[in-house]
Amino acid sequence: MQNDIIKLQSALDTLSDWAATWQLSISVEKCCILNIGTITVAPLLSINHTPLPIWSSNRDLGVIIADDLSPSILWHIVAKAHHSANGIHRAFVSRDVSLLLRVYLVCVRPLVESNSVVWSPFLKQDIDTLERVQRRFSKRLPGFNNSYSTYTERLSRLNLPT
């Protein structure tokens, strides 16, 4: 294990030397260590003699990767989706259900579905958290907010998948 850490530090030093040769800068403040497993490699790793911080999760290309590789870090996706869905209801004067639904499908659904292959929610709580965005949006549509209309009925009337 120690040999692997030495090899990794050597690769980081080589990268730093290469960047200096080509007069490129490395944004060390954007770099971090994400330990996956029980062995801790910090304070041994550094770039340009600046030790790299240890983070418990990191966001890359819109996907948050946690140190335990659990996919249940959905709060940022759900918060952004709720914010966009609420913005649709606030921004449009028209109460035409088909218009509001089209805007929802274009603006909100991609947020919830993006990178779903990577973080594929399989825990019941994660699926419910994601589904809450659509449940709340559909309930606020004109004519769909009465207590007799269940979520599954709303989905079938709107022709929406879960």
N, C-alpha and C. Protein backbone atom coordinates (compact mmCIF):
# COMPACT_ATOMS: atom_id res chain seq x y z
N MET A 1 0.83 -1.19 0.00
CA MET A 1 0.00 0.00 0.00
C MET A 1 0.87 1.25 0.00
N GLN A 2 1.86 1.28 0.83
CA GLN A 2 2.75 2.44 0.90
C GLN A 2 3.44 2.67 -0.45
N ASN A 3 3.76 1.59 -1.14
CA ASN A 3 4.40 1.69 -2.44
C ASN A 3 3.46 2.37 -3.45
N ASP A 4 2.17 2.07 -3.37
CA ASP A 4 1.19 2.70 -4.26
C ASP A 4 1.08 4.20 -4.00
N ILE A 5 1.13 4.59 -2.73
CA ILE A 5 1.07 6.01 -2.37
C ILE A 5 2.30 6.74 -2.91
N ILE A 6 3.46 6.10 -2.81
CA ILE A 6 4.71 6.70 -3.33
C ILE A 6 4.61 6.86 -4.84
N LYS A 7 4.07 5.86 -5.54
CA LYS A 7 3.90 5.94 -6.99
C LYS A 7 2.94 7.05 -7.38
N LEU A 8 1.86 7.20 -6.62
CA LEU A 8 0.89 8.25 -6.90
C LEU A 8 1.51 9.63 -6.68
N GLN A 9 2.27 9.79 -5.60
CA GLN A 9 2.93 11.07 -5.35
C GLN A 9 3.95 11.37 -6.44
N SER A 10 4.64 10.35 -6.91
CA SER A 10 5.59 10.52 -8.01
C SER A 10 4.88 10.98 -9.28
N ALA A 11 3.70 10.41 -9.56
CA ALA A 11 2.93 10.83 -10.72
C ALA A 11 2.46 12.28 -10.57
N LEU A 12 2.06 12.67 -9.36
CA LEU A 12 1.66 14.06 -9.13
C LEU A 12 2.84 15.01 -9.32
N ASP A 13 4.02 14.61 -8.87
CA ASP A 13 5.22 15.43 -9.06
C ASP A 13 5.57 15.55 -10.54
N THR A 14 5.43 14.46 -11.28
CA THR A 14 5.70 14.48 -12.71
C THR A 14 4.72 15.40 -13.43
N LEU A 15 3.46 15.34 -13.03
CA LEU A 15 2.45 16.23 -13.60
C LEU A 15 2.80 17.68 -13.30
N SER A 16 3.21 17.96 -12.09
CA SER A 16 3.58 19.32 -11.69
C SER A 16 4.79 19.81 -12.49
N ASP A 17 5.78 18.95 -12.68
CA ASP A 17 6.96 19.32 -13.48
C ASP A 17 6.58 19.58 -14.93
N TRP A 18 5.73 18.73 -15.48
CA TRP A 18 5.28 18.90 -16.87
C TRP A 18 4.54 20.22 -17.03
N ALA A 19 3.68 20.55 -16.07
CA ALA A 19 2.93 21.81 -16.14
C ALA A 19 3.88 23.01 -16.06
N ALA A 20 4.90 22.92 -15.22
CA ALA A 20 5.87 24.01 -15.10
C ALA A 20 6.67 24.16 -16.40
N THR A 21 7.03 23.06 -17.02
CA THR A 21 7.79 23.10 -18.27
C THR A 21 6.99 23.80 -19.37
N TRP A 22 5.72 23.52 -19.43
CA TRP A 22 4.86 24.10 -20.45
C TRP A 22 4.19 25.40 -19.98
N GLN A 23 4.64 25.93 -18.86
CA GLN A 23 4.15 27.18 -18.29
C GLN A 23 2.63 27.16 -18.10
N LEU A 24 2.15 26.03 -17.59
CA LEU A 24 0.76 25.88 -17.26
C LEU A 24 0.61 25.88 -15.74
N SER A 25 -0.51 26.34 -15.27
CA SER A 25 -0.72 26.32 -13.83
C SER A 25 -1.71 25.22 -13.47
N ILE A 26 -1.50 24.63 -12.31
CA ILE A 26 -2.42 23.64 -11.79
C ILE A 26 -3.23 24.31 -10.69
N SER A 27 -4.52 24.21 -10.77
CA SER A 27 -5.40 24.79 -9.77
C SER A 27 -5.46 23.85 -8.58
N VAL A 28 -4.51 24.00 -7.67
CA VAL A 28 -4.40 23.10 -6.53
C VAL A 28 -5.62 23.21 -5.62
N GLU A 29 -6.22 24.40 -5.56
CA GLU A 29 -7.38 24.58 -4.69
C GLU A 29 -8.61 23.80 -5.19
N LYS A 30 -8.59 23.35 -6.44
CA LYS A 30 -9.68 22.52 -6.97
C LYS A 30 -9.38 21.03 -6.84
N CYS A 31 -8.23 20.69 -6.33
CA CYS A 31 -7.84 19.29 -6.19
C CYS A 31 -8.14 18.80 -4.77
N CYS A 32 -8.43 17.51 -4.66
CA CYS A 32 -8.72 16.94 -3.35
C CYS A 32 -8.43 15.45 -3.37
N ILE A 33 -8.50 14.87 -2.19
CA ILE A 33 -8.37 13.43 -2.03
C ILE A 33 -9.72 12.89 -1.62
N LEU A 34 -10.15 11.86 -2.32
CA LEU A 34 -11.40 11.18 -1.99
C LEU A 34 -11.03 9.74 -1.66
N ASN A 35 -10.96 9.45 -0.36
CA ASN A 35 -10.60 8.10 0.08
C ASN A 35 -11.78 7.17 -0.10
N ILE A 36 -11.56 6.10 -0.82
CA ILE A 36 -12.58 5.06 -0.97
C ILE A 36 -12.02 3.83 -0.29
N GLY A 37 -12.58 3.50 0.84
CA GLY A 37 -12.06 2.38 1.63
C GLY A 37 -11.62 2.87 2.99
N THR A 38 -10.84 2.06 3.67
CA THR A 38 -10.47 2.38 5.04
C THR A 38 -9.07 2.95 5.19
N ILE A 39 -8.25 2.88 4.17
CA ILE A 39 -6.87 3.36 4.27
C ILE A 39 -6.82 4.84 3.91
N THR A 40 -6.21 5.63 4.78
CA THR A 40 -6.10 7.06 4.57
C THR A 40 -4.74 7.39 3.97
N VAL A 41 -4.76 8.16 2.87
CA VAL A 41 -3.50 8.50 2.20
C VAL A 41 -3.04 9.92 2.50
N ALA A 42 -3.86 10.73 3.10
CA ALA A 42 -3.44 12.08 3.43
C ALA A 42 -2.52 12.02 4.64
N PRO A 43 -1.80 12.82 4.94
CA PRO A 43 -1.10 14.02 4.50
C PRO A 43 0.07 13.70 3.58
N LEU A 44 0.07 12.53 3.00
CA LEU A 44 1.20 12.11 2.18
C LEU A 44 1.16 12.67 0.77
N LEU A 45 0.03 13.05 0.27
CA LEU A 45 -0.09 13.51 -1.11
C LEU A 45 -0.16 15.03 -1.17
N SER A 46 0.58 15.58 -2.15
CA SER A 46 0.60 17.03 -2.32
C SER A 46 0.91 17.36 -3.77
N ILE A 47 0.54 18.58 -4.15
CA ILE A 47 0.89 19.11 -5.47
C ILE A 47 1.61 20.42 -5.22
N ASN A 48 2.82 20.56 -5.78
CA ASN A 48 3.65 21.75 -5.57
C ASN A 48 3.84 22.04 -4.08
N HIS A 49 4.06 21.01 -3.32
CA HIS A 49 4.29 21.09 -1.86
C HIS A 49 3.08 21.63 -1.10
N THR A 50 1.91 21.60 -1.73
CA THR A 50 0.67 21.99 -1.06
C THR A 50 -0.10 20.71 -0.77
N PRO A 51 -0.32 20.39 0.51
CA PRO A 51 -1.05 19.15 0.82
C PRO A 51 -2.49 19.21 0.30
N LEU A 52 -2.94 18.09 -0.21
CA LEU A 52 -4.30 18.01 -0.74
C LEU A 52 -5.29 17.71 0.38
N PRO A 53 -6.41 18.42 0.41
CA PRO A 53 -7.40 18.18 1.46
C PRO A 53 -8.18 16.89 1.22
N ILE A 54 -8.70 16.33 2.29
CA ILE A 54 -9.53 15.13 2.20
C ILE A 54 -10.99 15.57 2.21
N TRP A 55 -11.76 15.11 1.22
CA TRP A 55 -13.18 15.41 1.15
C TRP A 55 -13.95 14.11 1.27
N SER A 56 -15.14 14.19 1.84
CA SER A 56 -15.97 12.98 1.95
C SER A 56 -16.80 12.76 0.70
N SER A 57 -16.97 13.80 -0.12
CA SER A 57 -17.65 13.66 -1.40
C SER A 57 -17.14 14.74 -2.35
N ASN A 58 -17.30 14.49 -3.63
CA ASN A 58 -16.83 15.44 -4.63
C ASN A 58 -17.80 15.44 -5.80
N ARG A 59 -17.99 16.61 -6.39
CA ARG A 59 -18.89 16.75 -7.54
C ARG A 59 -18.04 16.85 -8.79
N ASP A 60 -18.33 15.97 -9.75
CA ASP A 60 -17.62 15.98 -11.01
C ASP A 60 -18.63 15.74 -12.13
N LEU A 61 -18.69 16.66 -13.09
CA LEU A 61 -19.63 16.58 -14.20
C LEU A 61 -21.08 16.47 -13.73
N GLY A 62 -21.40 17.13 -12.62
CA GLY A 62 -22.76 17.14 -12.12
C GLY A 62 -23.14 15.95 -11.27
N VAL A 63 -22.22 15.01 -11.09
CA VAL A 63 -22.50 13.83 -10.29
C VAL A 63 -21.68 13.90 -9.02
N ILE A 64 -22.32 13.70 -7.88
CA ILE A 64 -21.59 13.69 -6.61
C ILE A 64 -21.18 12.26 -6.31
N ILE A 65 -19.90 12.10 -6.06
CA ILE A 65 -19.34 10.80 -5.70
C ILE A 65 -18.94 10.87 -4.23
N ALA A 66 -19.46 9.94 -3.43
CA ALA A 66 -19.18 9.91 -2.00
C ALA A 66 -18.09 8.90 -1.72
N ASP A 67 -17.46 9.04 -0.56
CA ASP A 67 -16.37 8.13 -0.20
C ASP A 67 -16.84 6.71 0.06
N ASP A 68 -18.13 6.52 0.33
CA ASP A 68 -18.65 5.15 0.50
C ASP A 68 -19.36 4.66 -0.75
N LEU A 69 -19.26 5.44 -1.84
CA LEU A 69 -19.87 5.13 -3.13
C LEU A 69 -21.38 4.94 -3.07
N SER A 70 -22.02 5.54 -2.07
CA SER A 70 -23.49 5.43 -1.97
C SER A 70 -24.13 6.46 -2.90
N PRO A 71 -25.19 6.07 -3.58
CA PRO A 71 -25.84 7.00 -4.50
C PRO A 71 -26.90 7.87 -3.84
N SER A 72 -26.98 7.91 -2.53
CA SER A 72 -28.08 8.62 -1.89
C SER A 72 -27.77 10.08 -1.58
N ILE A 73 -26.96 10.70 -2.41
CA ILE A 73 -26.69 12.12 -2.25
C ILE A 73 -27.43 12.84 -3.37
N LEU A 74 -28.73 12.98 -3.20
CA LEU A 74 -29.57 13.54 -4.24
C LEU A 74 -30.07 14.93 -3.91
N TRP A 75 -29.71 15.46 -2.76
CA TRP A 75 -30.31 16.70 -2.29
C TRP A 75 -30.09 17.84 -3.26
N HIS A 76 -28.91 17.91 -3.89
CA HIS A 76 -28.65 19.03 -4.80
C HIS A 76 -29.49 18.92 -6.07
N ILE A 77 -29.71 17.70 -6.55
CA ILE A 77 -30.52 17.49 -7.74
C ILE A 77 -31.98 17.82 -7.44
N VAL A 78 -32.47 17.32 -6.33
CA VAL A 78 -33.87 17.54 -5.95
C VAL A 78 -34.13 19.02 -5.65
N ALA A 79 -33.21 19.67 -4.98
CA ALA A 79 -33.40 21.10 -4.67
C ALA A 79 -33.46 21.93 -5.95
N LYS A 80 -32.59 21.65 -6.89
CA LYS A 80 -32.60 22.38 -8.16
C LYS A 80 -33.88 22.09 -8.94
N ALA A 81 -34.34 20.84 -8.92
CA ALA A 81 -35.57 20.49 -9.64
C ALA A 81 -36.79 21.16 -9.00
N HIS A 82 -36.88 21.16 -7.67
CA HIS A 82 -37.99 21.84 -6.99
C HIS A 82 -37.97 23.33 -7.31
N HIS A 83 -36.78 23.91 -7.31
CA HIS A 83 -36.64 25.33 -7.59
C HIS A 83 -37.13 25.64 -9.00
N SER A 84 -36.75 24.83 -9.97
CA SER A 84 -37.19 25.05 -11.34
C SER A 84 -38.69 24.83 -11.50
N ALA A 85 -39.22 23.79 -10.86
CA ALA A 85 -40.66 23.52 -10.95
C ALA A 85 -41.47 24.66 -10.33
N ASN A 86 -41.01 25.17 -9.19
CA ASN A 86 -41.69 26.31 -8.57
C ASN A 86 -41.60 27.55 -9.46
N GLY A 87 -40.47 27.72 -10.13
CA GLY A 87 -40.30 28.85 -11.04
C GLY A 87 -41.27 28.80 -12.20
N ILE A 88 -41.58 27.62 -12.66
CA ILE A 88 -42.56 27.48 -13.76
C ILE A 88 -43.92 28.00 -13.30
N HIS A 89 -44.35 27.59 -12.11
CA HIS A 89 -45.65 28.03 -11.61
C HIS A 89 -45.68 29.54 -11.36
N ARG A 90 -44.55 30.11 -10.95
CA ARG A 90 -44.50 31.54 -10.69
C ARG A 90 -44.39 32.36 -11.97
N ALA A 91 -43.66 31.86 -12.96
CA ALA A 91 -43.33 32.65 -14.14
C ALA A 91 -44.44 32.72 -15.18
N PHE A 92 -45.26 31.69 -15.26
CA PHE A 92 -46.26 31.64 -16.31
C PHE A 92 -47.62 32.14 -15.81
N VAL A 93 -48.16 33.10 -16.53
CA VAL A 93 -49.48 33.61 -16.21
C VAL A 93 -50.52 32.61 -16.70
N SER A 94 -50.23 31.98 -17.81
CA SER A 94 -51.16 31.00 -18.39
C SER A 94 -51.31 29.81 -17.45
N ARG A 95 -52.52 29.34 -17.32
CA ARG A 95 -52.80 28.17 -16.51
C ARG A 95 -53.13 26.97 -17.40
N ASP A 96 -52.67 27.03 -18.66
CA ASP A 96 -52.89 25.94 -19.59
C ASP A 96 -52.03 24.75 -19.17
N VAL A 97 -52.68 23.65 -18.84
CA VAL A 97 -51.98 22.48 -18.31
C VAL A 97 -50.98 21.93 -19.32
N SER A 98 -51.35 21.88 -20.59
CA SER A 98 -50.44 21.32 -21.60
C SER A 98 -49.19 22.17 -21.75
N LEU A 99 -49.31 23.49 -21.66
CA LEU A 99 -48.15 24.38 -21.74
C LEU A 99 -47.24 24.18 -20.53
N LEU A 100 -47.82 24.20 -19.34
CA LEU A 100 -47.03 24.02 -18.12
C LEU A 100 -46.35 22.65 -18.10
N LEU A 101 -47.04 21.64 -18.58
CA LEU A 101 -46.47 20.30 -18.62
C LEU A 101 -45.31 20.23 -19.60
N ARG A 102 -45.44 20.88 -20.76
CA ARG A 102 -44.33 20.89 -21.73
C ARG A 102 -43.11 21.60 -21.15
N VAL A 103 -43.31 22.70 -20.47
CA VAL A 103 -42.20 23.42 -19.85
C VAL A 103 -41.54 22.55 -18.78
N TYR A 104 -42.35 21.86 -18.00
CA TYR A 104 -41.84 20.94 -16.97
C TYR A 104 -40.99 19.84 -17.61
N LEU A 105 -41.49 19.26 -18.70
CA LEU A 105 -40.76 18.17 -19.36
C LEU A 105 -39.44 18.65 -19.97
N VAL A 106 -39.40 19.90 -20.38
CA VAL A 106 -38.18 20.44 -20.99
C VAL A 106 -37.19 20.93 -19.93
N CYS A 107 -37.69 21.54 -18.87
CA CYS A 107 -36.80 22.19 -17.90
C CYS A 107 -36.50 21.38 -16.65
N VAL A 108 -37.45 20.60 -16.17
CA VAL A 108 -37.27 19.95 -14.87
C VAL A 108 -36.87 18.47 -15.02
N ARG A 109 -37.57 17.75 -15.88
CA ARG A 109 -37.27 16.32 -16.03
C ARG A 109 -35.80 16.04 -16.36
N PRO A 110 -35.16 16.82 -17.25
CA PRO A 110 -33.74 16.55 -17.51
C PRO A 110 -32.85 16.69 -16.28
N LEU A 111 -33.22 17.59 -15.36
CA LEU A 111 -32.44 17.73 -14.13
C LEU A 111 -32.51 16.45 -13.30
N VAL A 112 -33.69 15.89 -13.19
CA VAL A 112 -33.90 14.70 -12.37
C VAL A 112 -33.32 13.46 -13.05
N GLU A 113 -33.39 13.43 -14.38
CA GLU A 113 -32.96 12.24 -15.11
C GLU A 113 -31.50 12.28 -15.54
N SER A 114 -30.83 13.43 -15.44
CA SER A 114 -29.45 13.51 -15.92
C SER A 114 -28.53 12.62 -15.10
N ASN A 115 -27.66 11.93 -15.79
CA ASN A 115 -26.68 11.02 -15.19
C ASN A 115 -27.32 9.93 -14.35
N SER A 116 -28.58 9.61 -14.62
CA SER A 116 -29.24 8.58 -13.82
C SER A 116 -28.61 7.21 -14.03
N VAL A 117 -27.93 7.01 -15.14
CA VAL A 117 -27.22 5.75 -15.37
C VAL A 117 -26.07 5.62 -14.37
N VAL A 118 -25.45 6.76 -14.03
CA VAL A 118 -24.30 6.74 -13.13
C VAL A 118 -24.75 6.52 -11.69
N TRP A 119 -25.72 7.33 -11.22
CA TRP A 119 -26.08 7.26 -9.80
C TRP A 119 -27.36 6.49 -9.57
N SER A 120 -27.88 5.86 -10.56
CA SER A 120 -29.09 5.04 -10.55
C SER A 120 -29.67 4.79 -9.15
N PRO A 121 -30.70 5.54 -8.78
CA PRO A 121 -31.26 5.38 -7.44
C PRO A 121 -31.96 4.03 -7.28
N PHE A 122 -31.56 3.30 -6.27
CA PHE A 122 -32.19 2.01 -6.02
C PHE A 122 -32.78 1.93 -4.63
N LEU A 123 -32.42 2.85 -3.75
CA LEU A 123 -33.01 2.89 -2.42
C LEU A 123 -34.41 3.50 -2.51
N LYS A 124 -35.34 2.96 -1.77
CA LYS A 124 -36.72 3.43 -1.77
C LYS A 124 -36.80 4.91 -1.41
N GLN A 125 -36.01 5.33 -0.43
CA GLN A 125 -36.04 6.73 0.00
C GLN A 125 -35.54 7.66 -1.10
N ASP A 126 -34.57 7.22 -1.89
CA ASP A 126 -34.06 8.04 -2.98
C ASP A 126 -35.09 8.17 -4.10
N ILE A 127 -35.74 7.06 -4.42
CA ILE A 127 -36.77 7.07 -5.45
C ILE A 127 -37.93 7.97 -5.02
N ASP A 128 -38.34 7.87 -3.77
CA ASP A 128 -39.42 8.72 -3.26
C ASP A 128 -39.03 10.19 -3.28
N THR A 129 -37.78 10.48 -2.94
CA THR A 129 -37.31 11.87 -2.94
C THR A 129 -37.36 12.46 -4.34
N LEU A 130 -36.92 11.69 -5.31
CA LEU A 130 -36.96 12.16 -6.70
C LEU A 130 -38.40 12.28 -7.20
N GLU A 131 -39.22 11.32 -6.84
CA GLU A 131 -40.61 11.30 -7.30
C GLU A 131 -41.41 12.45 -6.69
N ARG A 132 -40.99 12.93 -5.54
CA ARG A 132 -41.68 14.03 -4.86
C ARG A 132 -41.71 15.30 -5.71
N VAL A 133 -40.69 15.49 -6.55
CA VAL A 133 -40.65 16.67 -7.41
C VAL A 133 -41.84 16.65 -8.37
N GLN A 134 -42.05 15.53 -9.05
CA GLN A 134 -43.14 15.42 -10.00
C GLN A 134 -44.49 15.39 -9.30
N ARG A 135 -44.54 14.74 -8.15
CA ARG A 135 -45.79 14.68 -7.39
C ARG A 135 -46.25 16.08 -7.00
N ARG A 136 -45.30 16.89 -6.53
CA ARG A 136 -45.63 18.24 -6.08
C ARG A 136 -46.01 19.12 -7.26
N PHE A 137 -45.28 18.99 -8.38
CA PHE A 137 -45.59 19.80 -9.56
C PHE A 137 -46.98 19.47 -10.09
N SER A 138 -47.27 18.18 -10.23
CA SER A 138 -48.55 17.78 -10.81
C SER A 138 -49.72 18.16 -9.90
N LYS A 139 -49.50 18.19 -8.60
CA LYS A 139 -50.57 18.55 -7.67
C LYS A 139 -50.92 20.03 -7.78
N ARG A 140 -49.94 20.85 -8.18
CA ARG A 140 -50.16 22.29 -8.28
C ARG A 140 -50.77 22.71 -9.62
N LEU A 141 -50.93 21.78 -10.55
CA LEU A 141 -51.53 22.11 -11.84
C LEU A 141 -53.02 22.40 -11.65
N PRO A 142 -53.58 23.33 -12.43
CA PRO A 142 -55.00 23.66 -12.32
C PRO A 142 -55.88 22.43 -12.61
N GLY A 143 -56.79 22.15 -11.70
CA GLY A 143 -57.70 21.03 -11.87
C GLY A 143 -57.16 19.72 -11.32
N PHE A 144 -55.93 19.70 -10.85
CA PHE A 144 -55.33 18.47 -10.34
C PHE A 144 -55.06 18.53 -8.84
N ASN A 145 -55.49 19.57 -8.18
CA ASN A 145 -55.14 19.74 -6.77
C ASN A 145 -56.23 19.30 -5.80
N ASN A 146 -57.32 18.72 -6.29
CA ASN A 146 -58.35 18.29 -5.34
C ASN A 146 -57.92 17.00 -4.64
N SER A 147 -58.48 16.76 -3.51
CA SER A 147 -58.07 15.62 -2.69
C SER A 147 -58.49 14.28 -3.27
N TYR A 148 -59.39 14.28 -4.26
CA TYR A 148 -59.85 13.01 -4.84
C TYR A 148 -58.88 12.47 -5.89
N SER A 149 -58.02 13.32 -6.40
CA SER A 149 -57.09 12.90 -7.45
C SER A 149 -55.81 12.36 -6.82
N THR A 150 -55.57 11.07 -6.94
CA THR A 150 -54.34 10.49 -6.40
C THR A 150 -53.21 10.74 -7.38
N TYR A 151 -52.01 10.49 -6.94
CA TYR A 151 -50.84 10.71 -7.78
C TYR A 151 -50.87 9.83 -9.02
N THR A 152 -51.25 8.57 -8.87
CA THR A 152 -51.29 7.68 -10.03
C THR A 152 -52.37 8.12 -11.03
N GLU A 153 -53.49 8.63 -10.52
CA GLU A 153 -54.52 9.16 -11.41
C GLU A 153 -54.02 10.39 -12.15
N ARG A 154 -53.30 11.26 -11.45
CA ARG A 154 -52.73 12.45 -12.10
C ARG A 154 -51.75 12.04 -13.18
N LEU A 155 -50.91 11.05 -12.90
CA LEU A 155 -49.94 10.61 -13.90
C LEU A 155 -50.63 10.05 -15.13
N SER A 156 -51.67 9.27 -14.94
CA SER A 156 -52.36 8.70 -16.08
C SER A 156 -53.10 9.79 -16.88
N ARG A 157 -53.70 10.75 -16.19
CA ARG A 157 -54.38 11.87 -16.89
C ARG A 157 -53.40 12.76 -17.65
N LEU A 158 -52.19 12.90 -17.10
CA LEU A 158 -51.17 13.74 -17.76
C LEU A 158 -50.31 12.94 -18.74
N ASN A 159 -50.48 11.63 -18.73
CA ASN A 159 -49.69 10.74 -19.58
C ASN A 159 -48.20 10.87 -19.26
N LEU A 160 -47.89 10.85 -17.97
CA LEU A 160 -46.50 10.97 -17.50
C LEU A 160 -46.03 9.63 -16.89
N PRO A 161 -44.78 9.27 -17.13
CA PRO A 161 -44.23 8.09 -16.43
C PRO A 161 -43.75 8.50 -15.04
N THR A 162 -43.56 7.51 -14.18
CA THR A 162 -43.00 7.82 -12.86
C THR A 162 -41.53 8.11 -12.99
